[in-house]
Amino acid sequence: STMNLLGGEPLRPVMNYMREEDEEPEKLEDIAREGFGNVLCIETGGPTPGLGCAGRGIIATFQLLEDLKLFETYKPDVVLYDVLGDVVCGGFAAPIREDYAEKVLIVTS
């Protein structure tokens, strides 16, 4: 979903960064890019297919955003989380479960 906002350019997912570099990104610029309409884009990514839990990846990304003080730095008016609803471990529920969302809208196709 971020590729549309970034003019077709892929954004390296946070989980890939953490998995490949074996360390967390040090600054927001490592994981975030501003896209169309000044929308700040971050891609969480997920575990290796068949291994791990997408919910854990989402929670790890939320924690990283707090550690990097994203919300204090950018002071967003609205935060959108576009998460898959078909993950068996309940990754879609992570924003609710961890108090990162006040309102949830479910969109299906």
Protein backbone atom coordinates (compact mmCIF):
# COMPACT_ATOMS: atom_id res chain seq x y z
CA SER A 1 0.00 0.00 0.00
CA THR A 2 2.90 2.41 0.54
CA MET A 3 4.15 1.95 -3.04
CA ASN A 4 1.17 3.94 -4.33
CA LEU A 5 2.08 6.83 -2.03
CA LEU A 6 5.76 6.59 -2.93
CA GLY A 7 5.39 6.77 -6.71
CA GLY A 8 5.89 3.04 -7.20
CA GLU A 9 9.12 2.90 -5.22
CA PRO A 10 9.31 0.04 -2.72
CA LEU A 11 10.10 0.80 0.91
CA ARG A 12 12.31 -1.61 2.82
CA PRO A 13 10.16 -3.27 5.49
CA VAL A 14 11.17 -2.83 9.12
CA MET A 15 11.16 -6.60 9.65
CA ASN A 16 13.56 -7.12 6.73
CA TYR A 17 15.89 -4.50 8.16
CA MET A 18 15.84 -6.13 11.59
CA ARG A 19 16.24 -9.63 10.16
CA GLU A 20 19.04 -8.84 7.68
CA GLU A 21 21.01 -6.30 9.67
CA ASP A 22 20.52 -8.12 12.96
CA GLU A 23 19.96 -4.75 14.61
CA GLU A 24 17.24 -2.17 14.86
CA PRO A 25 17.25 0.98 12.73
CA GLU A 26 18.96 3.84 14.53
CA LYS A 27 16.88 6.73 13.19
CA LEU A 28 13.46 7.33 11.65
CA GLU A 29 14.99 8.08 8.25
CA ASP A 30 16.17 4.45 8.11
CA ILE A 31 12.58 3.18 7.96
CA ALA A 32 10.35 6.10 6.95
CA ARG A 33 9.85 8.10 3.79
CA GLU A 34 7.45 10.91 2.98
CA GLY A 35 5.07 10.14 0.14
CA PHE A 36 2.24 11.80 -1.78
CA GLY A 37 0.32 14.38 0.23
CA ASN A 38 3.07 14.48 2.89
CA VAL A 39 2.02 11.06 4.16
CA LEU A 40 4.81 9.46 6.21
CA CYS A 41 5.15 5.84 5.07
CA ILE A 42 6.55 2.90 7.02
CA GLU A 43 6.32 -0.75 5.92
CA THR A 44 6.31 -3.34 8.69
CA GLY A 45 6.64 -6.43 6.52
CA GLY A 46 6.29 -9.80 8.15
CA PRO A 47 7.96 -13.02 9.12
CA THR A 48 9.39 -15.50 6.66
CA PRO A 49 6.37 -17.28 5.14
CA GLY A 50 5.48 -20.31 7.23
CA LEU A 51 7.62 -19.14 10.15
CA GLY A 52 6.93 -16.69 12.92
CA CYS A 53 3.97 -14.49 13.70
CA ALA A 54 2.88 -11.34 11.86
CA GLY A 55 1.40 -10.00 15.10
CA ARG A 56 4.83 -10.06 16.74
CA GLY A 57 6.26 -8.12 13.80
CA ILE A 58 3.56 -5.50 14.13
CA ILE A 59 4.19 -5.18 17.88
CA ALA A 60 7.97 -4.99 17.31
CA THR A 61 7.41 -2.18 14.80
CA PHE A 62 5.13 -0.29 17.21
CA GLN A 63 7.79 -0.55 19.91
CA LEU A 64 10.45 0.66 17.49
CA LEU A 65 8.30 3.66 16.52
CA GLU A 66 8.00 4.54 20.21
CA ASP A 67 11.75 4.09 20.76
CA LEU A 68 12.51 6.36 17.79
CA LYS A 69 9.94 8.88 19.09
CA LEU A 70 8.01 8.94 15.81
CA PHE A 71 4.81 10.27 17.33
CA GLU A 72 6.56 13.03 19.27
CA THR A 73 8.65 14.01 16.25
CA TYR A 74 5.92 14.11 13.59
CA LYS A 75 2.85 14.74 15.78
CA PRO A 76 0.49 13.11 13.25
CA ASP A 77 -3.19 14.06 13.17
CA VAL A 78 -4.17 10.62 11.90
CA VAL A 79 -2.34 7.29 11.90
CA LEU A 80 -3.44 4.54 9.52
CA TYR A 81 -2.43 0.92 10.01
CA ASP A 82 -3.00 -1.21 6.93
CA VAL A 83 -2.66 -4.75 8.24
CA LEU A 84 -3.62 -8.11 6.80
CA GLY A 85 -6.73 -9.66 8.24
CA ASP A 86 -5.92 -13.19 7.17
CA VAL A 87 -2.99 -13.95 9.45
CA VAL A 88 -3.82 -16.86 11.70
CA CYS A 89 -2.04 -15.49 14.76
CA GLY A 90 -4.21 -12.37 14.90
CA GLY A 91 -1.78 -9.75 13.60
CA PHE A 92 -4.73 -7.59 12.58
CA ALA A 93 -5.73 -7.26 16.23
CA ALA A 94 -2.34 -5.92 17.40
CA PRO A 95 -3.20 -2.20 17.08
CA ILE A 96 -6.31 -2.74 19.22
CA ARG A 97 -4.74 -5.10 21.73
CA GLU A 98 -1.77 -2.83 22.39
CA ASP A 99 -3.80 0.42 22.65
CA TYR A 100 -2.44 1.89 19.41
CA ALA A 101 -5.92 2.46 17.97
CA GLU A 102 -9.00 4.33 19.16
CA LYS A 103 -11.14 3.33 16.20
CA VAL A 104 -10.99 0.36 13.84
CA LEU A 105 -12.47 0.19 10.35
CA ILE A 106 -12.56 -3.15 8.58
CA VAL A 107 -12.39 -3.02 4.78
CA THR A 108 -12.91 -6.20 2.79
CA SER A 109 -12.96 -7.07 -0.88
